[in-house]
Protein backbone atom coordinates (compact mmCIF):
# COMPACT_ATOMS: atom_id res chain seq x y z
CA MET A 1 -4.10 -10.42 15.85
CA ILE A 2 -7.67 -9.33 16.26
CA GLU A 3 -10.31 -11.61 17.76
CA PHE A 4 -13.72 -10.80 16.40
CA GLY A 5 -16.86 -12.89 16.08
CA GLY A 6 -15.12 -15.98 17.42
CA ASN A 7 -12.49 -15.78 14.66
CA ILE A 8 -8.94 -14.50 14.80
CA TYR A 9 -7.83 -11.96 12.19
CA TYR A 10 -4.44 -10.50 11.36
CA ILE A 11 -3.14 -7.76 9.10
CA ASP A 12 -1.19 -8.99 6.10
CA VAL A 13 1.52 -6.36 5.68
CA GLU A 14 2.56 -7.64 2.24
CA ALA A 15 -1.02 -7.32 0.99
CA LEU A 16 -1.11 -3.79 2.39
CA GLU A 17 2.16 -2.95 0.63
CA ASN A 18 0.91 -4.35 -2.68
CA THR A 19 -2.34 -2.40 -2.35
CA ILE A 20 -0.67 0.98 -1.83
CA LYS A 21 1.82 0.62 -4.70
CA PRO A 22 0.96 2.89 -7.60
CA ILE A 23 -0.16 1.15 -10.79
CA GLY A 24 3.04 1.97 -12.71
CA ALA A 25 5.40 0.83 -9.93
CA LYS A 26 5.47 -2.84 -10.90
CA GLY A 27 8.20 -2.35 -13.50
CA SER A 28 11.92 -2.00 -13.17
CA LYS A 29 13.56 -1.30 -9.82
CA LYS A 30 16.28 0.74 -11.55
CA ILE A 31 16.23 4.15 -13.17
CA ILE A 32 18.62 4.79 -16.05
CA GLU A 33 19.39 8.41 -16.81
CA LYS A 34 21.24 9.37 -19.99
CA GLU A 35 23.21 12.56 -20.30
CA THR A 36 24.58 13.85 -23.58
CA LYS A 37 27.47 16.32 -23.70
CA THR A 38 28.42 17.91 -26.99
CA TYR A 39 31.84 19.50 -27.41
CA ALA A 40 32.19 22.14 -30.13
CA ASP A 41 34.93 24.43 -31.31
CA GLU A 42 34.67 28.23 -31.42
CA ASN A 43 32.95 28.05 -34.84
CA GLY A 44 30.20 25.77 -33.54
CA ARG A 45 31.39 22.61 -35.27
CA VAL A 46 30.84 19.48 -33.23
CA LEU A 47 34.12 17.94 -32.15
CA SER A 48 32.73 15.07 -30.11
CA VAL A 49 29.66 13.82 -28.35
CA GLU A 50 29.82 12.04 -25.02
CA ILE A 51 26.86 10.00 -23.79
CA THR A 52 26.88 8.77 -20.20
CA GLU A 53 24.37 6.54 -18.45
CA VAL A 54 23.80 6.58 -14.73
CA GLU A 55 21.86 3.74 -13.13
CA ARG A 56 20.31 4.18 -9.70
CA GLU A 57 17.70 2.58 -7.49
CA ARG A 58 14.11 3.69 -8.04
CA PRO A 59 12.78 5.43 -4.92
CA ARG A 60 9.96 3.67 -3.09
CA GLU A 61 6.61 4.96 -4.32
CA ILE A 62 3.18 4.62 -2.76
CA ASP A 63 -0.30 5.81 -3.61
CA ALA A 64 -0.72 8.37 -0.81
CA THR A 65 -4.51 8.50 -1.07
CA LYS A 66 -4.90 4.74 -0.68
CA TYR A 67 -2.32 4.71 2.09
CA ASP A 68 -4.12 7.38 4.12
CA ILE A 69 -7.54 5.76 3.72
CA LEU A 70 -6.27 2.29 4.65
CA ARG A 71 -4.28 3.69 7.59
CA VAL A 72 -7.41 5.30 9.00
CA MET A 73 -9.36 2.07 8.52
CA ILE A 74 -6.72 0.10 10.40
CA GLU A 75 -6.83 2.70 13.18
CA ILE A 76 -10.61 2.31 13.40
CA LEU A 77 -10.23 -1.45 13.88
CA MET A 78 -7.44 -1.11 16.41
CA ASP A 79 -9.13 1.63 18.44
CA ALA A 80 -12.55 -0.03 18.59
CA THR A 81 -13.87 -0.36 22.12
CA GLU A 82 -17.25 -1.77 21.22
CA ASP A 83 -18.11 -4.94 23.06
CA THR A 84 -19.90 -7.65 21.15
CA ASP A 85 -21.62 -9.69 23.82
CA ASP A 86 -21.48 -13.09 22.17
CA ASP A 87 -18.66 -13.72 19.71
CA SER A 88 -19.67 -17.34 19.20
CA LEU A 89 -22.25 -16.36 16.58
CA GLY A 90 -19.59 -15.39 14.04
CA ALA A 91 -18.14 -12.28 12.50
CA GLU A 92 -21.21 -11.42 10.44
CA ARG A 93 -23.42 -11.37 13.52
CA ALA A 94 -20.79 -9.47 15.53
CA LEU A 95 -20.56 -6.85 12.74
CA ASP A 96 -24.30 -6.16 13.12
CA LYS A 97 -23.58 -4.67 16.56
CA THR A 98 -20.77 -2.34 15.44
CA SER A 99 -20.75 1.19 14.06
CA LEU A 100 -21.00 1.93 10.36
CA GLY A 101 -17.37 3.13 10.28
CA TYR A 102 -16.16 -0.14 11.81
CA LYS A 103 -18.22 -2.19 9.33
CA ILE A 104 -16.84 -0.28 6.36
CA ALA A 105 -13.25 -0.53 7.65
CA PHE A 106 -13.54 -4.25 8.43
CA ASN A 107 -15.18 -5.17 5.11
CA THR A 108 -12.84 -3.03 3.01
CA LEU A 109 -9.67 -4.39 4.62
CA TYR A 110 -11.03 -7.94 4.41
CA ASN A 111 -11.99 -7.60 0.73
CA TYR A 112 -8.57 -6.16 -0.17
CA GLY A 113 -6.95 -9.15 1.55
CA ILE A 114 -5.25 -6.91 4.09
CA LEU A 115 -7.29 -8.31 6.99
CA LYS A 116 -7.15 -12.10 6.87
CA GLU A 117 -8.77 -14.77 8.95
CA LYS A 118 -6.32 -17.12 10.66
CA GLU A 119 -7.07 -20.70 9.76
């Protein structure tokens, strides 16, 4: 947990996971592949057709661009060494004393619901 501006914040890993999923990844968790084999005689006439289906787990997919940006933002928050003298004035006041990169990282993660305030 992160204490900042008199409030305690934590990183919601499920919100992070949902944010980095690609848009099309919300569908089925299975992939069905169909393979058709056609058997013919020496004259090219079809003797039989065999259709097989193979079902397998869909590999885990993430949006790499979002992942990299959010990872860097989390690193910025975790590596911050800036000292806000008086945290009792709240997070907004404490943010005024931080760098632009920290402000952007904090606000972005908070707005995506990845950084949450503990109640």
